[in-house]
Protein backbone atom coordinates (compact mmCIF):
# COMPACT_ATOMS: atom_id res chain seq x y z
CA MET A 1 9.38 -10.21 -71.80
CA GLY A 2 7.72 -7.97 -73.64
CA ARG A 3 4.35 -9.28 -74.75
CA ILE A 4 3.88 -12.18 -72.46
CA SER A 5 4.08 -10.15 -69.57
CA THR A 6 1.07 -7.34 -70.46
CA LEU A 7 -1.09 -10.07 -71.46
CA THR A 8 -3.53 -11.60 -68.94
CA TYR A 9 -6.15 -12.86 -68.74
CA PHE A 10 -9.17 -13.59 -66.24
CA VAL A 11 -11.37 -16.73 -65.46
CA GLY A 12 -14.57 -17.03 -67.07
CA LYS A 13 -13.08 -14.87 -69.98
CA LYS A 14 -13.94 -16.27 -73.40
CA VAL A 15 -10.93 -16.49 -75.46
CA LEU A 16 -9.59 -18.51 -79.19
CA VAL A 17 -7.14 -21.04 -78.80
CA TYR A 18 -4.07 -21.62 -81.53
CA PHE A 19 -3.69 -25.08 -82.98
CA PRO A 20 -2.41 -25.30 -86.20
CA VAL A 21 -3.13 -28.48 -87.74
CA GLN A 22 -2.92 -28.75 -91.82
CA ARG A 23 -5.55 -31.17 -93.25
CA ARG A 24 -4.57 -32.73 -96.04
CA GLY A 25 -5.79 -31.38 -99.18
CA LEU A 26 -5.90 -27.68 -97.45
CA ASN A 27 -4.17 -24.98 -98.34
CA LYS A 28 -2.47 -23.48 -94.90
CA SER A 29 -2.62 -20.18 -95.89
CA LEU A 30 -6.56 -20.94 -95.97
CA ALA A 31 -6.66 -23.28 -93.13
CA HIS A 32 -8.38 -21.77 -89.63
CA HIS A 33 -5.44 -21.70 -86.94
CA TRP A 34 -8.00 -20.81 -84.70
CA ILE A 35 -10.33 -23.16 -82.50
CA GLY A 36 -12.44 -21.97 -79.63
CA PRO A 37 -14.92 -20.41 -78.04
CA SER A 38 -13.03 -22.15 -74.99
CA THR A 39 -13.59 -20.49 -70.99
CA ILE A 40 -10.29 -20.32 -69.05
CA VAL A 41 -11.02 -21.96 -66.20
CA ARG A 42 -8.11 -21.21 -63.66
CA THR A 43 -4.92 -19.67 -63.64
CA ILE A 44 -1.91 -22.03 -63.99
CA LYS A 45 1.25 -19.36 -64.07
CA THR A 46 0.94 -15.84 -64.83
CA THR A 47 1.77 -17.58 -68.27
CA ILE A 48 -0.31 -20.22 -68.57
CA TYR A 49 -4.00 -21.09 -68.02
CA MET A 50 -6.49 -23.73 -68.15
CA LEU A 51 -9.26 -24.19 -70.41
CA ARG A 52 -12.65 -25.51 -70.56
CA PRO A 53 -13.57 -25.68 -74.47
CA VAL A 54 -17.27 -24.52 -74.74
CA SER A 55 -19.29 -27.43 -76.59
CA ASN A 56 -17.17 -30.50 -74.33
CA ARG A 57 -15.79 -30.67 -70.57
CA LEU A 58 -12.51 -32.04 -72.20
CA VAL A 59 -9.39 -29.83 -69.73
CA THR A 60 -6.62 -28.26 -71.98
CA PHE A 61 -3.98 -26.04 -70.95
CA ALA A 62 -2.36 -23.30 -73.31
CA HIS A 63 0.43 -20.60 -72.70
CA VAL A 64 -0.53 -16.98 -72.89
CA ILE A 65 1.01 -17.11 -76.37
CA HIS A 66 -1.86 -19.38 -78.47
CA ILE A 67 -4.86 -17.77 -76.98
CA LYS A 68 -6.62 -14.55 -78.23
CA SER A 69 -9.36 -12.90 -77.04
CA TYR A 70 -12.97 -14.21 -78.11
CA ALA A 71 -15.44 -11.64 -79.81
CA THR A 72 -19.17 -11.76 -80.07
CA PRO A 73 -20.42 -11.60 -83.06
CA CYS A 74 -22.45 -8.31 -84.02
CA PRO A 75 -26.19 -8.59 -84.80
CA SER A 76 -26.83 -8.06 -88.90
CA ILE A 77 -26.40 -4.73 -90.22
CA GLY A 78 -29.63 -4.74 -92.33
CA THR A 79 -31.56 -4.54 -89.30
CA PRO A 80 -33.62 -2.01 -88.35
CA PRO A 81 -32.93 -0.19 -84.89
CA LEU A 82 -35.75 0.11 -82.05
CA THR A 83 -37.52 2.53 -81.42
CA VAL A 84 -37.76 4.15 -78.01
CA SER A 85 -41.38 6.02 -78.01
């Protein structure tokens, strides 16, 4: 059980879902296998979650080994810091 029992996600958290589809004509190693972000709607079991993609209302289910946390992109590095006076 090891790794699976330690992974938990909370309702409302944004995650990416592993969906390994290889498109024709694309190299397998260069394909994007993680789709998302999706929001966790409900916990079915400790290892199964109900997900709703941000872009539509279609609800899907995913096992915990097919989910990873979504990190929001950080702002560009070239912007100057804000100064407080």
